[in-house]
C-alpha atoms as a PDB file:
ATOM      1  CA  MET A   1     119.508  83.926  56.327  1.00  0.00           C
ATOM      2  CA  VAL A   2     123.020  82.965  57.453  1.00  0.00           C
ATOM      3  CA  ASP A   3     123.541  86.343  59.172  1.00  0.00           C
ATOM      4  CA  ASN A   4     120.218  85.940  60.988  1.00  0.00           C
ATOM      5  CA  GLU A   5     121.254  82.482  62.230  1.00  0.00           C
ATOM      6  CA  LYS A   6     124.581  83.900  63.433  1.00  0.00           C
ATOM      7  CA  ASP A   7     122.728  86.708  65.245  1.00  0.00           C
ATOM      8  CA  VAL A   8     120.424  84.191  66.908  1.00  0.00           C
ATOM      9  CA  GLU A   9     123.366  81.991  67.876  1.00  0.00           C
ATOM     10  CA  GLN A  10     125.263  84.986  69.312  1.00  0.00           C
ATOM     11  CA  GLY A  11     122.142  86.062  71.200  1.00  0.00           C
ATOM     12  CA  LEU A  12     121.759  82.589  72.690  1.00  0.00           C
ATOM     13  CA  GLU A  13     125.418  82.565  73.700  1.00  0.00           C
ATOM     14  CA  ASP A  14     124.974  85.979  75.364  1.00  0.00           C
ATOM     15  CA  VAL A  15     121.905  84.747  77.242  1.00  0.00           C
ATOM     16  CA  ALA A  16     123.748  81.602  78.387  1.00  0.00           C
ATOM     17  CA  LYS A  17     126.698  83.695  79.567  1.00  0.00           C
ATOM     18  CA  ALA A  18     124.400  86.076  81.476  1.00  0.00           C
ATOM     19  CA  ALA A  19     122.542  83.138  83.064  1.00  0.00           C
ATOM     20  CA  THR A  20     125.853  81.640  84.177  1.00  0.00           C
ATOM     21  CA  GLU A  21     126.883  84.961  85.721  1.00  0.00           C
ATOM     22  CA  VAL A  22     123.548  85.210  87.561  1.00  0.00           C
ATOM     23  CA  ALA A  23     123.901  81.638  88.849  1.00  0.00           C
ATOM     24  CA  GLU A  24     127.426  82.382  90.079  1.00  0.00           C
ATOM     25  CA  ALA A  25     126.258  85.595  91.772  1.00  0.00           C
ATOM     26  CA  ALA A  26     123.373  83.722  93.411  1.00  0.00           C
ATOM     27  CA  ALA A  27     125.743  81.011  94.633  1.00  0.00           C
ATOM     28  CA  ASP A  28     128.095  83.698  96.010  1.00  0.00           C
ATOM     29  CA  ALA A  29     125.189  85.431  97.741  1.00  0.00           C
ATOM     30  CA  ALA A  30     123.960  82.152  99.243  1.00  0.00           C
ATOM     31  CA  SER A  31     127.405  81.244 100.542  1.00  0.00           C
ATOM     32  CA  ALA A  32     127.848  84.779 101.895  1.00  0.00           C
ATOM     33  CA  ALA A  33     124.504  84.519 103.695  1.00  0.00           C
ATOM     34  CA  ALA A  34     125.512  81.170 105.215  1.00  0.00           C
ATOM     35  CA  ALA A  35     128.994  82.362 106.195  1.00  0.00           C
ATOM     36  CA  PRO A  36     129.717  84.363 109.336  1.00  0.00           C
ATOM     37  CA  VAL A  37     129.148  88.086 108.887  1.00  0.00           C
ATOM     38  CA  LYS A  38     132.352  89.900 107.948  1.00  0.00           C
ATOM     39  CA  LYS A  39     132.920  93.637 107.937  1.00  0.00           C
ATOM     40  CA  ASN A  40     133.538  94.189 104.233  1.00  0.00           C
ATOM     41  CA  PRO A  41     131.752  97.295 102.962  1.00  0.00           C
ATOM     42  CA  GLY A  42     132.593  96.528  99.322  1.00  0.00           C
ATOM     43  CA  ARG A  43     130.704  93.188  99.274  1.00  0.00           C
ATOM     44  CA  THR A  44     127.246  93.806 100.723  1.00  0.00           C
ATOM     45  CA  LEU A  45     123.912  92.909  99.194  1.00  0.00           C
ATOM     46  CA  GLU A  46     122.756  96.541  99.369  1.00  0.00           C
ATOM     47  CA  PHE A  47     123.644  97.115  95.715  1.00  0.00           C
ATOM     48  CA  ILE A  48     120.970  94.638  94.534  1.00  0.00           C
ATOM     49  CA  MET A  49     118.124  95.635  96.864  1.00  0.00           C
ATOM     50  CA  ASP A  50     116.498  97.917  94.243  1.00  0.00           C
ATOM     51  CA  VAL A  51     116.638  95.395  91.388  1.00  0.00           C
ATOM     52  CA  ALA A  52     113.127  94.834  90.018  1.00  0.00           C
ATOM     53  CA  LEU A  53     111.994  91.224  89.662  1.00  0.00           C
ATOM     54  CA  HIS A  54     109.032  89.779  87.772  1.00  0.00           C
ATOM     55  CA  VAL A  55     106.705  87.895  90.150  1.00  0.00           C
ATOM     56  CA  THR A  56     104.203  85.424  88.695  1.00  0.00           C
ATOM     57  CA  VAL A  57     101.523  83.518  90.601  1.00  0.00           C
ATOM     58  CA  GLU A  58     100.252  80.557  88.631  1.00  0.00           C
ATOM     59  CA  VAL A  59      96.794  79.186  89.378  1.00  0.00           C
ATOM     60  CA  GLY A  60      97.144  76.356  86.880  1.00  0.00           C
ATOM     61  CA  ARG A  61      97.938  75.438  83.290  1.00  0.00           C
ATOM     62  CA  SER A  62      96.046  74.123  80.333  1.00  0.00           C
ATOM     63  CA  ARG A  63      96.875  73.022  76.791  1.00  0.00           C
ATOM     64  CA  MET A  64      94.523  73.693  73.921  1.00  0.00           C
ATOM     65  CA  THR A  65      94.547  73.867  70.171  1.00  0.00           C
ATOM     66  CA  ILE A  66      94.395  77.141  68.292  1.00  0.00           C
ATOM     67  CA  GLY A  67      90.915  76.144  67.150  1.00  0.00           C
ATOM     68  CA  ASP A  68      89.788  75.737  70.768  1.00  0.00           C
ATOM     69  CA  LEU A  69      91.409  79.058  71.675  1.00  0.00           C
ATOM     70  CA  LEU A  70      89.543  80.852  68.906  1.00  0.00           C
ATOM     71  CA  GLN A  71      86.260  79.353  70.159  1.00  0.00           C
ATOM     72  CA  LEU A  72      86.651  80.988  73.595  1.00  0.00           C
ATOM     73  CA  GLY A  73      84.270  83.769  74.441  1.00  0.00           C
ATOM     74  CA  GLN A  74      82.840  85.551  77.442  1.00  0.00           C
ATOM     75  CA  GLY A  75      81.620  82.944  79.918  1.00  0.00           C
ATOM     76  CA  SER A  76      83.827  80.160  78.515  1.00  0.00           C
ATOM     77  CA  VAL A  77      85.462  77.884  81.078  1.00  0.00           C
ATOM     78  CA  VAL A  78      89.065  76.752  80.657  1.00  0.00           C
ATOM     79  CA  GLU A  79      89.811  73.567  82.572  1.00  0.00           C
ATOM     80  CA  LEU A  80      93.144  73.689  84.417  1.00  0.00           C
ATOM     81  CA  GLU A  81      95.449  70.791  85.268  1.00  0.00           C
ATOM     82  CA  LYS A  82      95.274  71.632  88.996  1.00  0.00           C
ATOM     83  CA  LEU A  83      92.455  70.733  91.313  1.00  0.00           C
ATOM     84  CA  ALA A  84      90.542  73.350  93.284  1.00  0.00           C
ATOM     85  CA  GLY A  85      92.280  73.987  96.619  1.00  0.00           C
ATOM     86  CA  GLU A  86      95.761  73.002  95.438  1.00  0.00           C
ATOM     87  CA  PRO A  87      98.548  75.470  96.273  1.00  0.00           C
ATOM     88  CA  LEU A  88      99.368  78.246  93.806  1.00  0.00           C
ATOM     89  CA  ASP A  89     102.881  78.259  92.343  1.00  0.00           C
ATOM     90  CA  ILE A  90     104.944  81.440  92.793  1.00  0.00           C
ATOM     91  CA  PHE A  91     107.733  82.208  90.335  1.00  0.00           C
ATOM     92  CA  ILE A  92     110.357  84.954  90.410  1.00  0.00           C
ATOM     93  CA  ASN A  93     111.713  85.720  86.939  1.00  0.00           C
ATOM     94  CA  GLY A  94     110.314  82.400  85.744  1.00  0.00           C
ATOM     95  CA  LYS A  95     111.955  80.310  88.472  1.00  0.00           C
ATOM     96  CA  PRO A  96     109.835  78.534  91.119  1.00  0.00           C
ATOM     97  CA  VAL A  97     110.452  79.924  94.611  1.00  0.00           C
ATOM     98  CA  ALA A  98     107.344  79.163  96.688  1.00  0.00           C
ATOM     99  CA  ARG A  99     103.784  77.898  96.930  1.00  0.00           C
ATOM    100  CA  GLY A 100     100.871  79.644  98.519  1.00  0.00           C
ATOM    101  CA  GLU A 101      97.149  80.146  98.832  1.00  0.00           C
ATOM    102  CA  ALA A 102      94.938  82.911  97.481  1.00  0.00           C
ATOM    103  CA  VAL A 103      93.710  85.495  99.993  1.00  0.00           C
ATOM    104  CA  ILE A 104      91.766  88.739  99.801  1.00  0.00           C
ATOM    105  CA  VAL A 105      93.357  91.802 101.402  1.00  0.00           C
ATOM    106  CA  ASN A 106      91.554  95.162 101.269  1.00  0.00           C
ATOM    107  CA  GLU A 107      89.330  93.882  98.445  1.00  0.00           C
ATOM    108  CA  LYS A 108      92.362  92.852  96.367  1.00  0.00           C
ATOM    109  CA  PHE A 109      93.712  89.388  95.699  1.00  0.00           C
ATOM    110  CA  GLY A 110      96.967  88.385  97.336  1.00  0.00           C
ATOM    111  CA  VAL A 111      98.964  85.244  98.046  1.00  0.00           C
ATOM    112  CA  ARG A 112      99.893  83.878 101.463  1.00  0.00           C
ATOM    113  CA  LEU A 113     103.132  81.909 101.175  1.00  0.00           C
ATOM    114  CA  THR A 114     102.781  78.456 102.676  1.00  0.00           C
ATOM    115  CA  ASP A 115     105.921  76.725 101.417  1.00  0.00           C
ATOM    116  CA  ILE A 116     109.203  78.287 100.315  1.00  0.00           C
ATOM    117  CA  ILE A 117     111.628  76.322  98.164  1.00  0.00           C
ATOM    118  CA  SER A 118     114.959  75.989  99.986  1.00  0.00           C
ATOM    119  CA  PRO A 119     117.795  78.274  98.841  1.00  0.00           C
ATOM    120  CA  GLU A 120     119.873  75.233  97.920  1.00  0.00           C
ATOM    121  CA  ASP A 121     117.138  73.914  95.618  1.00  0.00           C
ATOM    122  CA  ARG A 122     116.671  77.376  94.052  1.00  0.00           C
ATOM    123  CA  ILE A 123     120.412  77.718  93.376  1.00  0.00           C
ATOM    124  CA  GLN A 124     120.535  74.190  91.984  1.00  0.00           C
ATOM    125  CA  GLY A 125     117.697  75.133  89.617  1.00  0.00           C
ATOM    126  CA  LEU A 126     119.627  78.237  88.495  1.00  0.00           C
ATOM    127  CA  GLU A 127     122.760  76.175  87.879  1.00  0.00           C
ATOM    128  CA  GLN A 128     120.808  73.617  85.850  1.00  0.00           C
ATOM    129  CA  ALA A 129     119.252  76.378  83.761  1.00  0.00           C
ATOM    130  CA  ALA A 130     122.655  77.951  83.113  1.00  0.00           C
ATOM    131  CA  GLY A 131     124.513  74.807  82.200  1.00  0.00           C
END
């Protein structure tokens, strides 16, 4: 059991270190975007343009017991904490970045962004998560 705890602790330390590096890179990118454009071919954002990100659109949340979960069946209704018509929350890799409204485009659901969280607030959220 002790080895397993050490593995978990090392894994958590690795995750914390990676999160700190991401927060620092995001802060560097934000300051580079705010700074005057310099001709420096070695430090462009081109190298991250193909990085895949996980996008989540959250309609709402609900808490329920395992017993209630097991009772769900076809036609069951799960009550959400949000009211109908409230904005949807948009997350990138689990971090909130925007709010929007549901739309239908070519018979598929989509999201129209109505409010984007400021870059400063997003970076502050990354820093808080890392430290």
